[in-house]
Amino acid sequence: MYLDDLTKERYAVEVDESVWQFMKKHLGYNDEEMKKFRENPRNVDVLAKAPELMNKTIVAEVVESQGCNSQHKVGDKLIFDGAGNLLTKKNPKRICIYALAGLPKLIFAINELVYAGVDPNEIRFKRTGCFDVGVGCGGWGHIVMEVRVEERQK
């Protein structure tokens, strides 16, 4: 089993059967996989809190830019849904893969804060950047982005 009895109590929440059926179809699970998925109390907890997360938009805004080959400028925004999916229609046509590389851990931390019932904008270290060190250190350029969470625009 995944958790001891004391920890299971902590995750004592209910999830509507329609949500389980949606997830089974969405994830392409067979019956055995779905049984395992449902047995993990953490999954129950996450699904119970998912509606709150789905009402969020994660924004990574460029706050510094110098010599960026992809032309990311201060004020540019990369937009993700609450689960961390890049919303392609709301983003620039070109996005540097190296800019994206710094975001997964911050987006994961934001998700964990929401699951823990903490305001995700309270994250202490909210800045990241591409790994190019900039022309002064032998690279080409560098950008810095700051993440924040906003209520989703309908």
Protein backbone atom coordinates (compact mmCIF):
# COMPACT_ATOMS: atom_id res chain seq x y z
CA MET A 1 0.00 0.00 0.00
CA TYR A 2 1.08 3.58 -0.53
CA LEU A 3 0.55 5.20 2.86
CA ASP A 4 0.18 4.28 6.51
CA ASP A 5 -3.22 4.60 8.22
CA LEU A 6 -2.42 7.94 9.88
CA THR A 7 -1.45 9.48 6.56
CA LYS A 8 -4.57 8.03 4.91
CA GLU A 9 -6.74 9.93 7.39
CA ARG A 10 -5.08 13.15 6.28
CA TYR A 11 -6.26 12.48 2.73
CA ALA A 12 -9.81 11.48 3.69
CA VAL A 13 -11.75 13.23 0.93
CA GLU A 14 -14.36 12.12 -1.57
CA VAL A 15 -14.19 12.34 -5.34
CA ASP A 16 -17.31 12.01 -7.50
CA GLU A 17 -17.47 8.83 -9.58
CA SER A 18 -17.80 10.88 -12.78
CA VAL A 19 -14.35 12.37 -12.08
CA TRP A 20 -12.85 8.89 -11.75
CA GLN A 21 -14.43 7.84 -15.05
CA PHE A 22 -13.18 11.00 -16.76
CA MET A 23 -9.64 10.36 -15.49
CA LYS A 24 -9.72 6.71 -16.58
CA LYS A 25 -10.63 7.76 -20.11
CA HIS A 26 -8.33 10.82 -20.11
CA LEU A 27 -5.28 8.82 -18.99
CA GLY A 28 -6.16 5.75 -21.06
CA TYR A 29 -6.04 3.42 -18.05
CA ASN A 30 -7.32 -0.13 -18.10
CA ASP A 31 -9.30 -1.42 -15.11
CA GLU A 32 -6.21 -2.68 -13.26
CA GLU A 33 -4.34 0.60 -13.71
CA MET A 34 -7.38 2.57 -12.60
CA LYS A 35 -7.70 0.41 -9.49
CA LYS A 36 -4.09 1.22 -8.55
CA PHE A 37 -4.64 4.90 -9.31
CA ARG A 38 -7.73 5.02 -7.08
CA GLU A 39 -5.99 3.20 -4.22
CA ASN A 40 -3.42 5.98 -3.82
CA PRO A 41 -4.88 8.51 -1.32
CA ARG A 42 -2.67 11.25 -2.77
CA ASN A 43 -4.48 10.90 -6.10
CA VAL A 44 -7.81 11.26 -4.31
CA ASP A 45 -6.57 14.42 -2.61
CA VAL A 46 -5.21 15.91 -5.83
CA LEU A 47 -8.42 15.21 -7.74
CA ALA A 48 -10.48 16.74 -4.95
CA LYS A 49 -8.41 19.93 -5.25
CA ALA A 50 -8.07 19.94 -9.03
CA PRO A 51 -11.02 22.30 -9.66
CA GLU A 52 -9.23 25.04 -7.72
CA LEU A 53 -6.06 24.50 -9.73
CA MET A 54 -7.98 24.50 -13.01
CA ASN A 55 -9.26 27.98 -12.17
CA LYS A 56 -5.69 29.29 -12.17
CA THR A 57 -3.42 30.59 -14.91
CA ILE A 58 0.34 30.48 -14.42
CA VAL A 59 2.18 33.41 -15.98
CA ALA A 60 5.94 33.55 -16.50
CA GLU A 61 6.80 37.14 -17.37
CA VAL A 62 10.16 38.21 -18.76
CA VAL A 63 11.59 40.77 -16.32
CA GLU A 64 15.10 41.03 -17.77
CA SER A 65 16.37 40.40 -21.30
CA GLN A 66 19.71 41.00 -22.93
CA GLY A 67 20.84 39.55 -26.26
CA CYS A 68 18.08 36.93 -26.50
CA ASN A 69 18.38 35.07 -29.80
CA SER A 70 14.66 34.27 -29.71
CA GLN A 71 13.89 37.97 -29.16
CA HIS A 72 12.13 37.55 -25.80
CA LYS A 73 11.69 41.06 -24.39
CA VAL A 74 10.80 42.47 -20.98
CA GLY A 75 7.03 42.18 -20.58
CA ASP A 76 6.67 39.07 -22.75
CA LYS A 77 4.56 36.41 -21.05
CA LEU A 78 4.46 32.64 -21.26
CA ILE A 79 1.01 31.42 -20.27
CA PHE A 80 0.18 28.01 -18.77
CA ASP A 81 -2.98 26.51 -17.37
CA GLY A 82 -3.03 25.51 -13.71
CA ALA A 83 -1.70 22.04 -14.49
CA GLY A 84 1.30 23.46 -16.33
CA ASN A 85 0.18 22.99 -19.92
CA LEU A 86 1.50 25.68 -22.25
CA LEU A 87 -1.52 27.44 -23.75
CA THR A 88 -0.14 27.77 -27.26
CA LYS A 89 -2.78 30.18 -28.57
CA LYS A 90 -2.01 32.66 -25.77
CA ASN A 91 1.77 32.64 -26.21
CA PRO A 92 4.31 34.22 -28.54
CA LYS A 93 4.81 32.49 -31.91
CA ARG A 94 8.40 31.68 -30.95
CA ILE A 95 9.39 30.37 -27.55
CA CYS A 96 12.97 29.47 -26.74
CA ILE A 97 13.33 25.93 -25.40
CA TYR A 98 16.03 27.18 -23.02
CA ALA A 99 13.59 29.65 -21.50
CA LEU A 100 11.13 26.82 -20.89
CA ALA A 101 13.81 24.70 -19.22
CA GLY A 102 13.75 26.79 -16.04
CA LEU A 103 10.00 26.65 -15.51
CA PRO A 104 9.03 23.02 -14.68
CA LYS A 105 10.23 23.09 -11.07
CA LEU A 106 8.51 26.40 -10.37
CA ILE A 107 5.25 25.20 -11.91
CA PHE A 108 5.50 21.98 -9.90
CA ALA A 109 6.04 24.03 -6.71
CA ILE A 110 3.01 26.17 -7.55
CA ASN A 111 0.90 23.02 -7.96
CA GLU A 112 2.10 21.65 -4.63
CA LEU A 113 1.26 24.91 -2.86
CA VAL A 114 -2.27 24.82 -4.24
CA TYR A 115 -2.67 21.18 -3.16
CA ALA A 116 -1.43 22.16 0.31
CA GLY A 117 -3.95 25.00 0.53
CA VAL A 118 -1.30 27.73 0.39
CA ASP A 119 -1.53 30.82 -1.84
CA PRO A 120 0.85 29.92 -4.71
CA ASN A 121 1.89 33.56 -5.04
CA GLU A 122 3.58 33.18 -1.65
CA ILE A 123 6.34 31.17 -3.34
CA ARG A 124 9.62 32.67 -2.14
CA PHE A 125 11.90 32.02 -5.09
CA LYS A 126 9.80 32.90 -8.10
CA ARG A 127 12.43 33.80 -10.66
CA THR A 128 14.23 31.66 -13.19
CA GLY A 129 16.00 32.19 -16.47
CA CYS A 130 17.44 30.51 -19.48
CA PHE A 131 20.75 28.79 -18.91
CA ASP A 132 22.64 30.93 -21.43
CA VAL A 133 25.02 32.96 -19.26
CA GLY A 134 24.98 36.03 -21.52
CA VAL A 135 27.67 37.69 -23.62
CA GLY A 136 29.63 38.92 -20.58
CA CYS A 137 30.33 35.32 -19.57
CA GLY A 138 30.91 33.84 -23.02
CA GLY A 139 27.31 33.14 -24.03
CA TRP A 140 24.95 35.01 -26.31
CA GLY A 141 22.20 36.40 -24.13
CA HIS A 142 20.09 35.82 -21.07
CA ILE A 143 16.53 36.32 -19.88
CA VAL A 144 15.01 36.24 -16.40
CA MET A 145 11.34 35.38 -15.84
CA GLU A 146 9.15 35.76 -12.77
CA VAL A 147 6.17 33.48 -12.21
CA ARG A 148 2.83 34.38 -10.71
CA VAL A 149 -0.60 32.82 -10.52
CA GLU A 150 -3.74 34.60 -11.65
CA GLU A 151 -7.38 33.63 -11.64
CA ARG A 152 -8.25 32.10 -14.97
CA GLN A 153 -9.98 34.38 -17.46
CA LYS A 154 -13.12 32.73 -18.81
